[in-house]
C-alpha atoms as a PDB file:
ATOM      1  CA  UNK A   1     125.937 106.477 104.480  1.00  0.00           C
ATOM      2  CA  UNK A   2     123.963 110.172 103.533  1.00  0.00           C
ATOM      3  CA  UNK A   3     125.701 113.405 104.216  1.00  0.00           C
ATOM      4  CA  UNK A   4     124.629 117.363 103.801  1.00  0.00           C
ATOM      5  CA  UNK A   5     126.922 119.992 104.199  1.00  0.00           C
ATOM      6  CA  UNK A   6     126.361 123.291 104.557  1.00  0.00           C
ATOM      7  CA  UNK A   7     123.875 123.017 101.809  1.00  0.00           C
ATOM      8  CA  UNK A   8     121.895 126.134 100.037  1.00  0.00           C
ATOM      9  CA  UNK A   9     118.464 126.282  97.992  1.00  0.00           C
ATOM     10  CA  UNK A  10     116.427 128.291  96.452  1.00  0.00           C
ATOM     11  CA  UNK A  11     113.065 128.652  94.131  1.00  0.00           C
ATOM     12  CA  UNK A  12     113.733 131.414  91.302  1.00  0.00           C
ATOM     13  CA  UNK A  13     115.263 134.247  93.960  1.00  0.00           C
ATOM     14  CA  UNK A  14     113.755 132.341  97.556  1.00  0.00           C
ATOM     15  CA  UNK A  15     116.682 131.530  99.444  1.00  0.00           C
ATOM     16  CA  UNK A  16     114.787 128.554 101.121  1.00  0.00           C
ATOM     17  CA  UNK A  17     117.356 126.419 102.732  1.00  0.00           C
ATOM     18  CA  UNK A  18     119.875 128.767 104.359  1.00  0.00           C
ATOM     19  CA  UNK A  19     123.445 125.843 105.548  1.00  0.00           C
ATOM     20  CA  UNK A  20     121.569 123.078 106.061  1.00  0.00           C
ATOM     21  CA  UNK A  21     123.451 120.211 107.448  1.00  0.00           C
ATOM     22  CA  UNK A  22     122.851 116.357 108.609  1.00  0.00           C
ATOM     23  CA  UNK A  23     123.860 113.155 108.696  1.00  0.00           C
ATOM     24  CA  UNK A  24     122.140 109.582 108.073  1.00  0.00           C
ATOM     25  CA  UNK A  25     124.274 106.647 109.058  1.00  0.00           C
ATOM     26  CA  UNK A  26     123.812 103.193 108.042  1.00  0.00           C
ATOM     27  CA  UNK A  27     120.858 101.504 109.911  1.00  0.00           C
ATOM     28  CA  UNK A  28     119.747 104.895 111.108  1.00  0.00           C
ATOM     29  CA  UNK A  29     116.468 106.015 110.832  1.00  0.00           C
ATOM     30  CA  UNK A  30     116.467 110.009 110.951  1.00  0.00           C
ATOM     31  CA  UNK A  31     113.787 112.379 111.298  1.00  0.00           C
ATOM     32  CA  UNK A  32     113.622 116.145 109.439  1.00  0.00           C
ATOM     33  CA  UNK A  33     111.072 117.888 111.623  1.00  0.00           C
ATOM     34  CA  UNK A  34     109.484 121.236 111.256  1.00  0.00           C
ATOM     35  CA  UNK A  35     106.184 123.377 110.767  1.00  0.00           C
ATOM     36  CA  UNK A  36     104.904 124.443 107.291  1.00  0.00           C
ATOM     37  CA  UNK A  37     107.166 126.488 105.110  1.00  0.00           C
ATOM     38  CA  UNK A  38     110.107 124.941 107.146  1.00  0.00           C
ATOM     39  CA  UNK A  39     112.367 123.485 104.153  1.00  0.00           C
ATOM     40  CA  UNK A  40     111.529 119.843 104.971  1.00  0.00           C
ATOM     41  CA  UNK A  41     110.139 119.059 101.338  1.00  0.00           C
ATOM     42  CA  UNK A  42     113.096 121.469  99.819  1.00  0.00           C
ATOM     43  CA  UNK A  43     115.682 119.522 101.438  1.00  0.00           C
ATOM     44  CA  UNK A  44     114.182 116.236 100.260  1.00  0.00           C
ATOM     45  CA  UNK A  45     114.086 117.829  96.882  1.00  0.00           C
ATOM     46  CA  UNK A  46     117.668 118.900  97.372  1.00  0.00           C
ATOM     47  CA  UNK A  47     118.836 115.578  98.140  1.00  0.00           C
ATOM     48  CA  UNK A  48     116.973 113.730  94.840  1.00  0.00           C
ATOM     49  CA  UNK A  49     118.670 116.066  92.538  1.00  0.00           C
ATOM     50  CA  UNK A  50     115.147 118.501  91.738  1.00  0.00           C
ATOM     51  CA  UNK A  51     117.553 121.077  93.615  1.00  0.00           C
ATOM     52  CA  UNK A  52     120.780 121.718  92.831  1.00  0.00           C
ATOM     53  CA  UNK A  53     122.777 123.082  96.243  1.00  0.00           C
ATOM     54  CA  UNK A  54     123.685 126.581  96.225  1.00  0.00           C
ATOM     55  CA  UNK A  55     126.178 126.222  98.090  1.00  0.00           C
ATOM     56  CA  UNK A  56     127.097 123.277 100.201  1.00  0.00           C
ATOM     57  CA  UNK A  57     127.543 119.359  99.039  1.00  0.00           C
ATOM     58  CA  UNK A  58     125.387 115.999  99.447  1.00  0.00           C
ATOM     59  CA  UNK A  59     126.883 113.032  99.303  1.00  0.00           C
ATOM     60  CA  UNK A  60     125.974 109.623  99.282  1.00  0.00           C
ATOM     61  CA  UNK A  61     127.841 106.276  99.620  1.00  0.00           C
ATOM     62  CA  UNK A  62     130.789 108.276  99.297  1.00  0.00           C
ATOM     63  CA  UNK A  63     129.974 110.308  95.957  1.00  0.00           C
ATOM     64  CA  UNK A  64     129.178 113.711  95.865  1.00  0.00           C
ATOM     65  CA  UNK A  65     125.540 113.682  94.302  1.00  0.00           C
ATOM     66  CA  UNK A  66     124.776 117.774  94.886  1.00  0.00           C
ATOM     67  CA  UNK A  67     123.462 118.423  91.168  1.00  0.00           C
ATOM     68  CA  UNK A  68     123.140 114.522  89.477  1.00  0.00           C
ATOM     69  CA  UNK A  69     119.340 113.882  88.026  1.00  0.00           C
ATOM     70  CA  UNK A  70     117.161 112.101  89.857  1.00  0.00           C
ATOM     71  CA  UNK A  71     116.911 109.214  87.933  1.00  0.00           C
ATOM     72  CA  UNK A  72     120.748 109.022  88.651  1.00  0.00           C
ATOM     73  CA  UNK A  73     120.431 109.634  92.439  1.00  0.00           C
ATOM     74  CA  UNK A  74     117.822 106.846  92.514  1.00  0.00           C
ATOM     75  CA  UNK A  75     119.754 104.778  91.001  1.00  0.00           C
ATOM     76  CA  UNK A  76     122.351 105.056  93.544  1.00  0.00           C
ATOM     77  CA  UNK A  77     120.322 103.684  96.175  1.00  0.00           C
ATOM     78  CA  UNK A  78     118.036 106.498  97.648  1.00  0.00           C
ATOM     79  CA  UNK A  79     114.619 105.307  97.422  1.00  0.00           C
ATOM     80  CA  UNK A  80     112.048 108.499  97.005  1.00  0.00           C
ATOM     81  CA  UNK A  81     108.371 108.434  98.827  1.00  0.00           C
ATOM     82  CA  UNK A  82     107.174 112.053  97.635  1.00  0.00           C
ATOM     83  CA  UNK A  83     104.256 114.105  99.722  1.00  0.00           C
ATOM     84  CA  UNK A  84     102.355 114.003  96.667  1.00  0.00           C
ATOM     85  CA  UNK A  85     102.614 109.976  96.572  1.00  0.00           C
ATOM     86  CA  UNK A  86     103.513 110.260  92.612  1.00  0.00           C
ATOM     87  CA  UNK A  87     102.030 106.726  91.721  1.00  0.00           C
ATOM     88  CA  UNK A  88     100.937 106.528  88.257  1.00  0.00           C
ATOM     89  CA  UNK A  89      97.256 106.431  88.001  1.00  0.00           C
ATOM     90  CA  UNK A  90      96.378 104.626  85.132  1.00  0.00           C
ATOM     91  CA  UNK A  91      98.551 101.250  85.705  1.00  0.00           C
ATOM     92  CA  UNK A  92      97.892  98.857  87.321  1.00  0.00           C
ATOM     93  CA  UNK A  93      99.177  98.483  91.463  1.00  0.00           C
ATOM     94  CA  UNK A  94     101.608  95.535  90.066  1.00  0.00           C
ATOM     95  CA  UNK A  95     102.302  97.891  87.070  1.00  0.00           C
ATOM     96  CA  UNK A  96     103.260 100.211  88.871  1.00  0.00           C
ATOM     97  CA  UNK A  97     105.692  98.181  91.050  1.00  0.00           C
ATOM     98  CA  UNK A  98     107.385  96.040  88.250  1.00  0.00           C
ATOM     99  CA  UNK A  99     107.521  98.986  86.333  1.00  0.00           C
ATOM    100  CA  UNK A 100     110.386 100.864  88.658  1.00  0.00           C
ATOM    101  CA  UNK A 101     111.741  97.406  89.924  1.00  0.00           C
ATOM    102  CA  UNK A 102     115.867  97.234  90.213  1.00  0.00           C
ATOM    103  CA  UNK A 103     117.624  94.698  91.859  1.00  0.00           C
ATOM    104  CA  UNK A 104     119.926  96.665  93.454  1.00  0.00           C
ATOM    105  CA  UNK A 105     122.604  95.139  95.426  1.00  0.00           C
ATOM    106  CA  UNK A 106     120.776  92.393  96.973  1.00  0.00           C
ATOM    107  CA  UNK A 107     117.921  91.771  95.824  1.00  0.00           C
ATOM    108  CA  UNK A 108     115.624  91.445  98.713  1.00  0.00           C
ATOM    109  CA  UNK A 109     112.793  93.490  97.305  1.00  0.00           C
ATOM    110  CA  UNK A 110     110.589  91.712  94.911  1.00  0.00           C
ATOM    111  CA  UNK A 111     106.940  91.544  93.929  1.00  0.00           C
ATOM    112  CA  UNK A 112     106.699  88.713  96.058  1.00  0.00           C
ATOM    113  CA  UNK A 113     108.137  90.834  99.560  1.00  0.00           C
ATOM    114  CA  UNK A 114     106.491  93.542  99.224  1.00  0.00           C
ATOM    115  CA  UNK A 115     102.606  91.732  98.879  1.00  0.00           C
ATOM    116  CA  UNK A 116     104.388  90.316 101.954  1.00  0.00           C
ATOM    117  CA  UNK A 117     104.891  93.388 103.759  1.00  0.00           C
ATOM    118  CA  UNK A 118     101.573  94.888 101.583  1.00  0.00           C
ATOM    119  CA  UNK A 119      99.023  92.532 101.717  1.00  0.00           C
ATOM    120  CA  UNK A 120      95.941  94.593 101.052  1.00  0.00           C
ATOM    121  CA  UNK A 121      98.215  95.849  97.262  1.00  0.00           C
ATOM    122  CA  UNK A 122      98.330  91.712  96.710  1.00  0.00           C
ATOM    123  CA  UNK A 123      94.482  92.400  97.331  1.00  0.00           C
ATOM    124  CA  UNK A 124      94.238  95.117  95.022  1.00  0.00           C
ATOM    125  CA  UNK A 125      96.937  94.109  91.886  1.00  0.00           C
ATOM    126  CA  UNK A 126      94.549  94.955  89.386  1.00  0.00           C
ATOM    127  CA  UNK A 127      93.138  97.964  90.065  1.00  0.00           C
ATOM    128  CA  UNK A 128      94.558 100.819  89.040  1.00  0.00           C
ATOM    129  CA  UNK A 129      96.161 103.475  90.507  1.00  0.00           C
ATOM    130  CA  UNK A 130      93.302 105.999  91.041  1.00  0.00           C
ATOM    131  CA  UNK A 131      91.157 103.466  92.189  1.00  0.00           C
ATOM    132  CA  UNK A 132      92.983 103.084  95.039  1.00  0.00           C
ATOM    133  CA  UNK A 133      92.258 105.041  98.939  1.00  0.00           C
ATOM    134  CA  UNK A 134      94.350 107.544 100.093  1.00  0.00           C
ATOM    135  CA  UNK A 135      95.870 104.940 102.274  1.00  0.00           C
ATOM    136  CA  UNK A 136      96.847 102.548  99.509  1.00  0.00           C
ATOM    137  CA  UNK A 137      97.832 104.922  97.729  1.00  0.00           C
ATOM    138  CA  UNK A 138     100.710 105.666 100.227  1.00  0.00           C
ATOM    139  CA  UNK A 139     101.363 101.840 100.629  1.00  0.00           C
ATOM    140  CA  UNK A 140     102.155 101.730  96.881  1.00  0.00           C
ATOM    141  CA  UNK A 141     104.417 104.574  97.160  1.00  0.00           C
ATOM    142  CA  UNK A 142     106.474 103.101  99.670  1.00  0.00           C
ATOM    143  CA  UNK A 143     106.422  99.711  98.227  1.00  0.00           C
ATOM    144  CA  UNK A 144     107.511 101.122  94.700  1.00  0.00           C
ATOM    145  CA  UNK A 145     110.711 103.098  96.258  1.00  0.00           C
ATOM    146  CA  UNK A 146     111.233  99.815  98.308  1.00  0.00           C
ATOM    147  CA  UNK A 147     111.222  97.817  94.786  1.00  0.00           C
ATOM    148  CA  UNK A 148     114.424  99.928  93.808  1.00  0.00           C
ATOM    149  CA  UNK A 149     115.989  98.088  96.595  1.00  0.00           C
ATOM    150  CA  UNK A 150     117.824 101.114  98.003  1.00  0.00           C
ATOM    151  CA  UNK A 151     120.190 101.924 100.719  1.00  0.00           C
ATOM    152  CA  UNK A 152     118.568 104.644 101.792  1.00  0.00           C
ATOM    153  CA  UNK A 153     114.882 105.536 102.361  1.00  0.00           C
ATOM    154  CA  UNK A 154     113.740 108.785 102.011  1.00  0.00           C
ATOM    155  CA  UNK A 155     110.173 109.556 102.859  1.00  0.00           C
ATOM    156  CA  UNK A 156     108.000 112.697 102.752  1.00  0.00           C
ATOM    157  CA  UNK A 157     105.298 113.410 105.147  1.00  0.00           C
ATOM    158  CA  UNK A 158     104.443 109.537 105.124  1.00  0.00           C
ATOM    159  CA  UNK A 159     101.371 110.031 107.301  1.00  0.00           C
ATOM    160  CA  UNK A 160      99.784 113.073 105.876  1.00  0.00           C
ATOM    161  CA  UNK A 161      95.915 113.048 105.262  1.00  0.00           C
ATOM    162  CA  UNK A 162      95.701 109.507 106.175  1.00  0.00           C
ATOM    163  CA  UNK A 163      93.021 108.018 108.671  1.00  0.00           C
ATOM    164  CA  UNK A 164      94.735 107.042 111.938  1.00  0.00           C
ATOM    165  CA  UNK A 165      94.690 103.193 111.801  1.00  0.00           C
ATOM    166  CA  UNK A 166      96.294 104.253 108.407  1.00  0.00           C
ATOM    167  CA  UNK A 167      99.185 105.982 110.247  1.00  0.00           C
ATOM    168  CA  UNK A 168      99.836 102.820 112.566  1.00  0.00           C
ATOM    169  CA  UNK A 169      99.752 100.433 109.988  1.00  0.00           C
ATOM    170  CA  UNK A 170     102.479 102.714 108.128  1.00  0.00           C
ATOM    171  CA  UNK A 171     104.311 102.630 111.125  1.00  0.00           C
ATOM    172  CA  UNK A 172     104.338  99.344 112.156  1.00  0.00           C
ATOM    173  CA  UNK A 173     105.745  98.977 107.980  1.00  0.00           C
ATOM    174  CA  UNK A 174     108.577 101.477 108.722  1.00  0.00           C
ATOM    175  CA  UNK A 175     109.349 100.016 111.949  1.00  0.00           C
ATOM    176  CA  UNK A 176     109.482  96.506 110.405  1.00  0.00           C
ATOM    177  CA  UNK A 177     112.158  98.133 107.893  1.00  0.00           C
ATOM    178  CA  UNK A 178     113.738  99.697 110.673  1.00  0.00           C
ATOM    179  CA  UNK A 179     114.917  96.327 112.432  1.00  0.00           C
ATOM    180  CA  UNK A 180     115.869  94.784 108.991  1.00  0.00           C
ATOM    181  CA  UNK A 181     118.667  97.729 109.137  1.00  0.00           C
ATOM    182  CA  UNK A 182     117.284  99.965 105.871  1.00  0.00           C
ATOM    183  CA  UNK A 183     118.411 103.636 106.513  1.00  0.00           C
ATOM    184  CA  UNK A 184     115.739 106.026 106.540  1.00  0.00           C
ATOM    185  CA  UNK A 185     115.119 109.546 106.092  1.00  0.00           C
ATOM    186  CA  UNK A 186     111.499 110.067 107.163  1.00  0.00           C
ATOM    187  CA  UNK A 187     110.396 113.818 106.869  1.00  0.00           C
ATOM    188  CA  UNK A 188     107.757 114.260 108.975  1.00  0.00           C
ATOM    189  CA  UNK A 189     105.130 116.281 110.945  1.00  0.00           C
ATOM    190  CA  UNK A 190     103.533 113.703 112.790  1.00  0.00           C
ATOM    191  CA  UNK A 191     105.608 114.102 115.824  1.00  0.00           C
ATOM    192  CA  UNK A 192     104.029 110.867 117.557  1.00  0.00           C
ATOM    193  CA  UNK A 193     105.306 109.072 114.809  1.00  0.00           C
ATOM    194  CA  UNK A 194     108.794 110.623 114.285  1.00  0.00           C
ATOM    195  CA  UNK A 195     109.302 109.760 118.316  1.00  0.00           C
ATOM    196  CA  UNK A 196     107.885 106.571 117.805  1.00  0.00           C
ATOM    197  CA  UNK A 197     110.638 105.612 114.752  1.00  0.00           C
ATOM    198  CA  UNK A 198     113.526 108.120 114.768  1.00  0.00           C
ATOM    199  CA  UNK A 199     117.299 107.314 116.242  1.00  0.00           C
ATOM    200  CA  UNK A 200     117.814 111.028 115.949  1.00  0.00           C
ATOM    201  CA  UNK A 201     115.928 114.365 114.810  1.00  0.00           C
ATOM    202  CA  UNK A 202     116.606 117.612 113.042  1.00  0.00           C
ATOM    203  CA  UNK A 203     114.301 120.365 113.577  1.00  0.00           C
ATOM    204  CA  UNK A 204     113.955 122.765 110.736  1.00  0.00           C
ATOM    205  CA  UNK A 205     113.138 126.441 111.204  1.00  0.00           C
ATOM    206  CA  UNK A 206     113.248 129.399 107.927  1.00  0.00           C
ATOM    207  CA  UNK A 207     115.566 127.135 106.543  1.00  0.00           C
ATOM    208  CA  UNK A 208     118.099 126.933 108.882  1.00  0.00           C
ATOM    209  CA  UNK A 209     118.412 123.293 111.433  1.00  0.00           C
ATOM    210  CA  UNK A 210     118.166 125.106 114.978  1.00  0.00           C
ATOM    211  CA  UNK A 211     118.305 121.366 116.964  1.00  0.00           C
ATOM    212  CA  UNK A 212     119.991 118.108 116.407  1.00  0.00           C
ATOM    213  CA  UNK A 213     119.855 115.137 118.868  1.00  0.00           C
ATOM    214  CA  UNK A 214     117.676 112.090 120.276  1.00  0.00           C
ATOM    215  CA  UNK A 215     114.464 111.336 121.241  1.00  0.00           C
ATOM    216  CA  UNK A 216     115.500 112.176 124.762  1.00  0.00           C
ATOM    217  CA  UNK A 217     117.272 115.196 124.290  1.00  0.00           C
ATOM    218  CA  UNK A 218     113.812 116.583 121.733  1.00  0.00           C
ATOM    219  CA  UNK A 219     111.375 115.273 124.663  1.00  0.00           C
ATOM    220  CA  UNK A 220     113.267 117.312 127.201  1.00  0.00           C
ATOM    221  CA  UNK A 221     114.247 120.882 125.613  1.00  0.00           C
ATOM    222  CA  UNK A 222     110.766 122.001 126.157  1.00  0.00           C
ATOM    223  CA  UNK A 223     111.757 125.568 125.092  1.00  0.00           C
ATOM    224  CA  UNK A 224     112.239 123.862 121.756  1.00  0.00           C
ATOM    225  CA  UNK A 225     108.913 121.985 121.276  1.00  0.00           C
ATOM    226  CA  UNK A 226     107.171 124.893 122.293  1.00  0.00           C
ATOM    227  CA  UNK A 227     108.395 127.236 120.407  1.00  0.00           C
ATOM    228  CA  UNK A 228     109.154 124.800 117.097  1.00  0.00           C
ATOM    229  CA  UNK A 229     106.661 122.273 117.593  1.00  0.00           C
ATOM    230  CA  UNK A 230     103.783 124.370 119.124  1.00  0.00           C
ATOM    231  CA  UNK A 231     103.643 121.232 121.956  1.00  0.00           C
END
């Protein structure tokens, strides 16, 4: 479904991604792990078209999307939940959701469906974005991405800065999406959440993939856990 091959990316003259290759299959949850500054967020931005690969190839559903504008990548079927959440603070919850909605291929995600997934958003429907708590803003960001009816969901650090109980709620939502067969690329520092959710894992260090494997393979590699994840 999604394939990155030897992707390099730069911020100005700074060479951040140095040959990243990874794959996400249909209905699969893949986690991208690593310390701060490893290149995880940059990988997500490259996929979404904010940074063109120089060089490298990004393919999604058979199309070379490297260098596409972000709105075109989104329309192709990738729902993006950015690290900063990116909701509209001056719009209500409902307005945030309907403004970006798209039927997609199956139209699974409607306003009713996302309210069933996130009952708290229904309760806060008329509240403005800036009036929500951090956890509610994260729920809204995920719900808004689902309203695009994507075939792949890309989340950048969805648990960052949230209380443990809210993190648990987010994990349960992602587990439900996984059971429904939605493909997910999860960029995450919360190792416990990643291990619970992920089918496969990629570990980045200094812009390069230094490990790829299953949960069992990652947990069984004490050196990788110690050297790159401080476990």
